[in-house]
Amino acid sequence: MCPSLSAHLIYGNSRGKRPRRLFFIFICIPVSPGNSRVIFIPGRNFAIWIDQVVPRWIYHIRQNLVIDSDLYLLHIEEKKLMEAGFSNRQKVCFVPTKSDAKVVAFRKWLKKYSGGRINWGNEFNVSLLPTLSREQLTDRLFA
């Protein structure tokens, strides 16, 4: 897998004769400075009939709630990381858990092969936009 792509599989099981499985595949692809494309795929092996009753767009709306719950936090953290500079990221962002291993590995790979920065193929301004409110960040209609 390309180190610039981050794919995560999160799953849960129930016990019993026919265990229920629920999973999410989450892929975040950086596409330009400050922008990423998110691919979020839920799945399950139970209550399949719901897919025939509930319109597909309902799922899309609900999936945005998951992403929106972290959006403001990520926006603020991105500001802190940019203020600290590329070489001081490990001091600003403490990642002690096992689930952070892919992020740490990606950062090490990025530092080793590209000096901690992604080469987007052109020059760009590394300064971020002003801090936005939660409402401004989650506004898809007028953005």
N, C-alpha and C. Protein backbone atom coordinates (compact mmCIF):
# COMPACT_ATOMS: atom_id res chain seq x y z
N MET A 1 0.83 -1.17 0.00
CA MET A 1 0.00 0.00 0.00
C MET A 1 0.88 1.24 0.00
N CYS A 2 0.48 2.22 -0.74
CA CYS A 2 1.19 3.49 -0.77
C CYS A 2 1.10 4.15 0.60
N PRO A 3 2.23 4.58 1.17
CA PRO A 3 2.20 5.17 2.50
C PRO A 3 1.37 6.45 2.60
N SER A 4 1.06 7.09 1.49
CA SER A 4 0.27 8.32 1.58
C SER A 4 -1.22 8.03 1.74
N LEU A 5 -1.61 6.79 1.55
CA LEU A 5 -2.99 6.41 1.76
C LEU A 5 -3.11 5.77 3.14
N SER A 6 -4.16 6.08 3.83
CA SER A 6 -4.36 5.50 5.15
C SER A 6 -5.68 4.75 5.12
N ALA A 7 -5.62 3.44 5.23
CA ALA A 7 -6.83 2.62 5.23
C ALA A 7 -6.97 1.97 6.59
N HIS A 8 -8.14 2.05 7.15
CA HIS A 8 -8.39 1.46 8.45
C HIS A 8 -9.63 0.59 8.36
N LEU A 9 -9.57 -0.57 8.98
CA LEU A 9 -10.70 -1.48 9.07
C LEU A 9 -11.08 -1.56 10.54
N ILE A 10 -12.29 -1.17 10.86
CA ILE A 10 -12.79 -1.22 12.22
C ILE A 10 -13.96 -2.19 12.21
N TYR A 11 -13.95 -3.15 13.12
CA TYR A 11 -15.03 -4.13 13.10
C TYR A 11 -15.42 -4.52 14.52
N GLY A 12 -16.61 -5.07 14.62
CA GLY A 12 -17.11 -5.57 15.90
C GLY A 12 -17.86 -6.85 15.66
N ASN A 13 -17.79 -7.75 16.61
CA ASN A 13 -18.48 -9.04 16.52
C ASN A 13 -19.39 -9.22 17.71
N SER A 14 -20.49 -9.94 17.51
CA SER A 14 -21.32 -10.36 18.62
C SER A 14 -21.15 -11.87 18.77
N ARG A 15 -21.59 -12.37 19.89
CA ARG A 15 -21.46 -13.81 20.13
C ARG A 15 -22.78 -14.50 19.84
N GLY A 16 -22.71 -15.79 19.61
CA GLY A 16 -23.92 -16.55 19.35
C GLY A 16 -23.69 -17.53 18.21
N LYS A 17 -24.77 -18.22 17.83
CA LYS A 17 -24.66 -19.20 16.75
C LYS A 17 -24.30 -18.53 15.43
N ARG A 18 -24.93 -17.40 15.16
CA ARG A 18 -24.63 -16.64 13.95
C ARG A 18 -24.14 -15.26 14.36
N PRO A 19 -22.84 -15.13 14.57
CA PRO A 19 -22.33 -13.84 15.05
C PRO A 19 -22.59 -12.71 14.05
N ARG A 20 -22.99 -11.58 14.58
CA ARG A 20 -23.21 -10.40 13.75
C ARG A 20 -21.90 -9.65 13.62
N ARG A 21 -21.61 -9.22 12.43
CA ARG A 21 -20.37 -8.48 12.19
C ARG A 21 -20.72 -7.13 11.57
N LEU A 22 -20.11 -6.11 12.13
CA LEU A 22 -20.27 -4.76 11.63
C LEU A 22 -18.88 -4.22 11.36
N PHE A 23 -18.66 -3.62 10.20
CA PHE A 23 -17.32 -3.11 9.91
C PHE A 23 -17.40 -1.79 9.14
N PHE A 24 -16.30 -1.05 9.23
CA PHE A 24 -16.14 0.20 8.50
C PHE A 24 -14.76 0.20 7.87
N ILE A 25 -14.71 0.56 6.62
CA ILE A 25 -13.42 0.76 5.96
C ILE A 25 -13.31 2.26 5.73
N PHE A 26 -12.24 2.84 6.22
CA PHE A 26 -12.05 4.29 6.17
C PHE A 26 -10.73 4.56 5.46
N ILE A 27 -10.79 5.25 4.33
CA ILE A 27 -9.59 5.58 3.56
C ILE A 27 -9.54 7.10 3.40
N CYS A 28 -8.41 7.68 3.75
CA CYS A 28 -8.23 9.13 3.62
C CYS A 28 -7.07 9.37 2.66
N ILE A 29 -7.33 10.07 1.56
CA ILE A 29 -6.34 10.28 0.51
C ILE A 29 -6.05 11.77 0.40
N PRO A 30 -4.81 12.21 0.70
CA PRO A 30 -4.49 13.62 0.49
C PRO A 30 -4.47 13.95 -1.00
N VAL A 31 -5.22 14.98 -1.40
CA VAL A 31 -5.31 15.32 -2.82
C VAL A 31 -4.66 16.65 -3.17
N SER A 32 -4.52 17.53 -2.20
CA SER A 32 -3.83 18.81 -2.37
C SER A 32 -3.58 19.38 -0.98
N PRO A 33 -2.76 20.38 -0.88
CA PRO A 33 -2.48 20.94 0.45
C PRO A 33 -3.75 21.37 1.17
N GLY A 34 -3.98 20.81 2.34
CA GLY A 34 -5.14 21.15 3.15
C GLY A 34 -6.42 20.45 2.74
N ASN A 35 -6.38 19.57 1.73
CA ASN A 35 -7.58 18.88 1.26
C ASN A 35 -7.34 17.39 1.16
N SER A 36 -8.33 16.62 1.58
CA SER A 36 -8.26 15.16 1.48
C SER A 36 -9.58 14.63 0.95
N ARG A 37 -9.52 13.49 0.32
CA ARG A 37 -10.72 12.80 -0.13
C ARG A 37 -10.94 11.64 0.83
N VAL A 38 -12.14 11.54 1.35
CA VAL A 38 -12.46 10.49 2.31
C VAL A 38 -13.37 9.47 1.64
N ILE A 39 -13.01 8.21 1.77
CA ILE A 39 -13.85 7.11 1.31
C ILE A 39 -14.20 6.32 2.56
N PHE A 40 -15.48 6.23 2.85
CA PHE A 40 -15.96 5.61 4.08
C PHE A 40 -16.99 4.55 3.69
N ILE A 41 -16.70 3.29 3.97
CA ILE A 41 -17.57 2.20 3.53
C ILE A 41 -18.02 1.38 4.73
N PRO A 42 -19.31 1.43 5.07
CA PRO A 42 -19.80 0.59 6.16
C PRO A 42 -20.31 -0.74 5.60
N GLY A 43 -20.36 -1.74 6.44
CA GLY A 43 -20.89 -3.03 6.02
C GLY A 43 -21.32 -3.86 7.22
N ARG A 44 -22.15 -4.84 6.95
CA ARG A 44 -22.62 -5.73 8.02
C ARG A 44 -23.14 -7.01 7.38
N ASN A 45 -23.24 -8.05 8.21
CA ASN A 45 -23.77 -9.32 7.71
C ASN A 45 -25.14 -9.62 8.32
N PHE A 46 -25.82 -8.61 8.82
CA PHE A 46 -27.14 -8.80 9.41
C PHE A 46 -28.05 -7.64 8.98
N ALA A 47 -29.35 -7.82 9.08
CA ALA A 47 -30.34 -6.79 8.72
C ALA A 47 -30.11 -6.25 7.31
N ILE A 48 -29.79 -7.15 6.40
CA ILE A 48 -29.53 -6.75 5.01
C ILE A 48 -30.79 -6.19 4.35
N TRP A 49 -31.95 -6.62 4.79
CA TRP A 49 -33.21 -6.16 4.21
C TRP A 49 -33.38 -4.65 4.33
N ILE A 50 -32.73 -4.03 5.31
CA ILE A 50 -32.84 -2.58 5.50
C ILE A 50 -32.35 -1.83 4.25
N ASP A 51 -31.34 -2.39 3.58
CA ASP A 51 -30.79 -1.74 2.38
C ASP A 51 -31.83 -1.62 1.27
N GLN A 52 -32.83 -2.49 1.27
CA GLN A 52 -33.87 -2.43 0.25
C GLN A 52 -34.98 -1.45 0.60
N VAL A 53 -35.04 -1.04 1.87
CA VAL A 53 -36.11 -0.15 2.34
C VAL A 53 -35.63 1.29 2.50
N VAL A 54 -34.45 1.46 3.05
CA VAL A 54 -33.92 2.80 3.34
C VAL A 54 -33.19 3.33 2.11
N PRO A 55 -33.52 4.54 1.67
CA PRO A 55 -32.84 5.11 0.50
C PRO A 55 -31.34 5.29 0.75
N ARG A 56 -30.57 5.16 -0.29
CA ARG A 56 -29.11 5.24 -0.19
C ARG A 56 -28.64 6.60 0.34
N TRP A 57 -29.33 7.69 -0.01
CA TRP A 57 -28.89 9.02 0.41
C TRP A 57 -28.96 9.20 1.92
N ILE A 58 -29.83 8.44 2.59
CA ILE A 58 -29.90 8.52 4.06
C ILE A 58 -28.56 8.10 4.65
N TYR A 59 -27.96 7.07 4.10
CA TYR A 59 -26.65 6.61 4.60
C TYR A 59 -25.59 7.69 4.40
N HIS A 60 -25.62 8.36 3.27
CA HIS A 60 -24.63 9.41 3.00
C HIS A 60 -24.74 10.55 4.02
N ILE A 61 -25.95 10.93 4.35
CA ILE A 61 -26.14 12.00 5.33
C ILE A 61 -25.62 11.57 6.70
N ARG A 62 -25.92 10.35 7.09
CA ARG A 62 -25.49 9.86 8.40
C ARG A 62 -23.97 9.69 8.46
N GLN A 63 -23.35 9.31 7.36
CA GLN A 63 -21.89 9.15 7.36
C GLN A 63 -21.20 10.49 7.58
N ASN A 64 -21.78 11.56 7.06
CA ASN A 64 -21.19 12.88 7.29
C ASN A 64 -21.18 13.25 8.76
N LEU A 65 -22.13 12.76 9.54
CA LEU A 65 -22.15 13.04 10.97
C LEU A 65 -20.91 12.49 11.65
N VAL A 66 -20.46 11.33 11.22
CA VAL A 66 -19.25 10.73 11.79
C VAL A 66 -18.04 11.60 11.48
N ILE A 67 -17.92 12.02 10.25
CA ILE A 67 -16.79 12.85 9.84
C ILE A 67 -16.87 14.23 10.49
N ASP A 68 -18.05 14.81 10.53
CA ASP A 68 -18.22 16.14 11.12
C ASP A 68 -17.88 16.17 12.60
N SER A 69 -18.07 15.06 13.29
CA SER A 69 -17.79 15.05 14.72
C SER A 69 -16.32 15.33 15.02
N ASP A 70 -15.43 15.00 14.10
CA ASP A 70 -14.00 15.23 14.31
C ASP A 70 -13.45 16.40 13.50
N LEU A 71 -14.23 16.96 12.61
CA LEU A 71 -13.73 17.98 11.69
C LEU A 71 -13.17 19.21 12.39
N TYR A 72 -13.89 19.75 13.36
CA TYR A 72 -13.43 20.96 14.05
C TYR A 72 -12.16 20.68 14.83
N LEU A 73 -12.11 19.55 15.51
CA LEU A 73 -10.91 19.17 16.26
C LEU A 73 -9.70 19.06 15.33
N LEU A 74 -9.87 18.43 14.18
CA LEU A 74 -8.78 18.31 13.22
C LEU A 74 -8.35 19.67 12.67
N HIS A 75 -9.31 20.56 12.47
CA HIS A 75 -9.01 21.91 11.98
C HIS A 75 -8.11 22.65 12.97
N ILE A 76 -8.44 22.58 14.25
CA ILE A 76 -7.65 23.24 15.29
C ILE A 76 -6.27 22.59 15.41
N GLU A 77 -6.22 21.26 15.38
CA GLU A 77 -4.94 20.55 15.49
C GLU A 77 -4.03 20.86 14.31
N GLU A 78 -4.62 20.99 13.12
CA GLU A 78 -3.82 21.33 11.94
C GLU A 78 -3.16 22.70 12.12
N LYS A 79 -3.88 23.64 12.71
CA LYS A 79 -3.31 24.96 12.99
C LYS A 79 -2.11 24.83 13.93
N LYS A 80 -2.27 24.04 14.99
CA LYS A 80 -1.19 23.86 15.96
C LYS A 80 0.03 23.22 15.31
N LEU A 81 -0.20 22.23 14.45
CA LEU A 81 0.91 21.57 13.77
C LEU A 81 1.65 22.53 12.84
N MET A 82 0.92 23.35 12.12
CA MET A 82 1.56 24.30 11.20
C MET A 82 2.35 25.36 11.97
N GLU A 83 1.83 25.78 13.12
CA GLU A 83 2.54 26.77 13.93
C GLU A 83 3.84 26.20 14.49
N ALA A 84 3.84 24.91 14.83
CA ALA A 84 5.02 24.27 15.40
C ALA A 84 6.08 24.01 14.34
N GLY A 85 5.67 23.86 13.09
CA GLY A 85 6.62 23.57 12.02
C GLY A 85 6.73 22.07 11.77
N PHE A 86 7.21 21.74 10.58
CA PHE A 86 7.27 20.34 10.17
C PHE A 86 8.21 19.50 11.03
N SER A 87 9.28 20.09 11.50
CA SER A 87 10.26 19.30 12.26
C SER A 87 9.85 19.05 13.70
N ASN A 88 8.84 19.75 14.21
CA ASN A 88 8.44 19.60 15.61
C ASN A 88 7.10 18.90 15.78
N ARG A 89 6.63 18.21 14.78
CA ARG A 89 5.31 17.57 14.87
C ARG A 89 5.21 16.58 16.02
N GLN A 90 6.27 15.81 16.26
CA GLN A 90 6.21 14.81 17.32
C GLN A 90 6.07 15.44 18.70
N LYS A 91 6.47 16.69 18.87
CA LYS A 91 6.33 17.38 20.15
C LYS A 91 4.90 17.89 20.36
N VAL A 92 4.22 18.22 19.29
CA VAL A 92 2.87 18.76 19.37
C VAL A 92 1.83 17.66 19.45
N CYS A 93 2.07 16.58 18.74
CA CYS A 93 1.08 15.51 18.61
C CYS A 93 1.57 14.24 19.29
N PHE A 94 0.98 13.90 20.43
CA PHE A 94 1.36 12.71 21.18
C PHE A 94 0.46 11.57 20.74
N VAL A 95 1.04 10.51 20.18
CA VAL A 95 0.26 9.38 19.66
C VAL A 95 0.71 8.08 20.33
N PRO A 96 0.19 7.80 21.53
CA PRO A 96 0.68 6.66 22.30
C PRO A 96 -0.02 5.34 22.04
N THR A 97 -1.14 5.33 21.35
CA THR A 97 -1.92 4.10 21.26
C THR A 97 -1.53 3.24 20.06
N LYS A 98 -1.90 2.00 20.16
CA LYS A 98 -1.60 1.03 19.11
C LYS A 98 -2.27 1.43 17.78
N SER A 99 -3.44 2.03 17.88
CA SER A 99 -4.16 2.43 16.67
C SER A 99 -3.47 3.57 15.92
N ASP A 100 -2.54 4.26 16.58
CA ASP A 100 -1.80 5.35 15.94
C ASP A 100 -0.55 4.88 15.22
N ALA A 101 -0.28 3.60 15.23
CA ALA A 101 0.96 3.07 14.65
C ALA A 101 1.10 3.41 13.17
N LYS A 102 0.01 3.38 12.41
CA LYS A 102 0.09 3.69 10.98
C LYS A 102 0.42 5.16 10.75
N VAL A 103 -0.11 6.03 11.59
CA VAL A 103 0.18 7.46 11.47
C VAL A 103 1.66 7.71 11.77
N VAL A 104 2.16 7.09 12.85
CA VAL A 104 3.57 7.25 13.22
C VAL A 104 4.47 6.71 12.11
N ALA A 105 4.13 5.53 11.57
CA ALA A 105 4.93 4.94 10.49
C ALA A 105 4.92 5.83 9.25
N PHE A 106 3.76 6.40 8.91
CA PHE A 106 3.68 7.30 7.76
C PHE A 106 4.55 8.53 7.97
N ARG A 107 4.50 9.11 9.17
CA ARG A 107 5.30 10.31 9.45
C ARG A 107 6.79 10.00 9.36
N LYS A 108 7.20 8.82 9.85
CA LYS A 108 8.62 8.43 9.75
C LYS A 108 9.02 8.25 8.29
N TRP A 109 8.17 7.60 7.52
CA TRP A 109 8.43 7.40 6.10
C TRP A 109 8.54 8.75 5.38
N LEU A 110 7.62 9.65 5.69
CA LEU A 110 7.61 10.97 5.07
C LEU A 110 8.86 11.76 5.42
N LYS A 111 9.28 11.67 6.67
CA LYS A 111 10.48 12.39 7.10
C LYS A 111 11.73 11.82 6.43
N LYS A 112 11.78 10.49 6.31
CA LYS A 112 12.95 9.83 5.72
C LYS A 112 13.10 10.13 4.23
N TYR A 113 12.00 10.06 3.50
CA TYR A 113 12.08 10.14 2.04
C TYR A 113 11.78 11.52 1.45
N SER A 114 11.13 12.41 2.22
CA SER A 114 10.82 13.71 1.62
C SER A 114 10.97 14.87 2.60
N GLY A 115 11.73 14.66 3.64
CA GLY A 115 11.97 15.75 4.58
C GLY A 115 10.75 16.18 5.37
N GLY A 116 9.77 15.29 5.50
CA GLY A 116 8.58 15.59 6.28
C GLY A 116 7.49 16.34 5.53
N ARG A 117 7.68 16.55 4.24
CA ARG A 117 6.68 17.27 3.44
C ARG A 117 6.28 16.45 2.22
N ILE A 118 5.08 16.69 1.77
CA ILE A 118 4.60 16.04 0.56
C ILE A 118 4.91 16.96 -0.62
N ASN A 119 5.50 16.40 -1.67
CA ASN A 119 5.78 17.17 -2.88
C ASN A 119 4.53 17.13 -3.74
N TRP A 120 3.82 18.24 -3.80
CA TRP A 120 2.59 18.30 -4.57
C TRP A 120 2.85 18.63 -6.04
N GLY A 121 4.10 18.78 -6.42
CA GLY A 121 4.43 19.04 -7.81
C GLY A 121 4.40 20.50 -8.20
N ASN A 122 4.04 21.36 -7.27
CA ASN A 122 4.05 22.79 -7.55
C ASN A 122 4.22 23.54 -6.23
N GLU A 123 4.52 24.80 -6.33
CA GLU A 123 4.68 25.62 -5.13
C GLU A 123 3.30 26.01 -4.61
N PHE A 124 3.17 26.07 -3.31
CA PHE A 124 1.93 26.51 -2.72
C PHE A 124 2.22 27.24 -1.42
N ASN A 125 1.27 28.02 -1.00
CA ASN A 125 1.40 28.77 0.24
C ASN A 125 1.05 27.83 1.40
N VAL A 126 1.97 27.62 2.33
CA VAL A 126 1.73 26.67 3.42
C VAL A 126 0.89 27.27 4.54
N SER A 127 0.58 28.55 4.47
CA SER A 127 -0.25 29.13 5.52
C SER A 127 -1.68 28.66 5.37
N LEU A 128 -2.32 28.47 6.49
CA LEU A 128 -3.70 27.99 6.49
C LEU A 128 -4.68 29.15 6.47
N LEU A 129 -5.90 28.84 6.15
CA LEU A 129 -6.97 29.84 6.22
C LEU A 129 -7.19 30.24 7.67
N PRO A 130 -7.87 31.35 7.91
CA PRO A 130 -8.17 31.72 9.29
C PRO A 130 -9.00 30.62 9.97
N THR A 131 -8.92 30.56 11.29
CA THR A 131 -9.68 29.57 12.03
C THR A 131 -11.17 29.80 11.78
N LEU A 132 -11.84 28.74 11.38
CA LEU A 132 -13.27 28.82 11.07
C LEU A 132 -14.09 28.28 12.24
N SER A 133 -15.34 28.70 12.31
CA SER A 133 -16.24 28.17 13.34
C SER A 133 -16.68 26.77 12.92
N ARG A 134 -17.23 26.04 13.85
CA ARG A 134 -17.73 24.69 13.56
C ARG A 134 -18.81 24.76 12.48
N GLU A 135 -19.67 25.77 12.54
CA GLU A 135 -20.75 25.91 11.56
C GLU A 135 -20.19 26.16 10.16
N GLN A 136 -19.16 26.98 10.06
CA GLN A 136 -18.55 27.26 8.76
C GLN A 136 -17.88 26.02 8.18
N LEU A 137 -17.26 25.22 9.03
CA LEU A 137 -16.57 24.02 8.55
C LEU A 137 -17.53 22.97 8.02
N THR A 138 -18.68 22.85 8.66
CA THR A 138 -19.62 21.79 8.27
C THR A 138 -20.66 22.26 7.26
N ASP A 139 -20.57 23.49 6.80
CA ASP A 139 -21.52 24.02 5.82
C ASP A 139 -21.17 23.51 4.43
N ARG A 140 -21.97 22.59 3.91
CA ARG A 140 -21.73 22.03 2.58
C ARG A 140 -22.53 22.77 1.51
N LEU A 141 -23.57 23.46 1.92
CA LEU A 141 -24.45 24.12 0.97
C LEU A 141 -23.83 25.40 0.41
N PHE A 142 -23.23 26.22 1.25
CA PHE A 142 -22.70 27.51 0.81
C PHE A 142 -21.18 27.56 0.80
N ALA A 143 -20.53 26.43 0.96
CA ALA A 143 -19.06 26.41 1.01
C ALA A 143 -18.45 26.63 -0.35
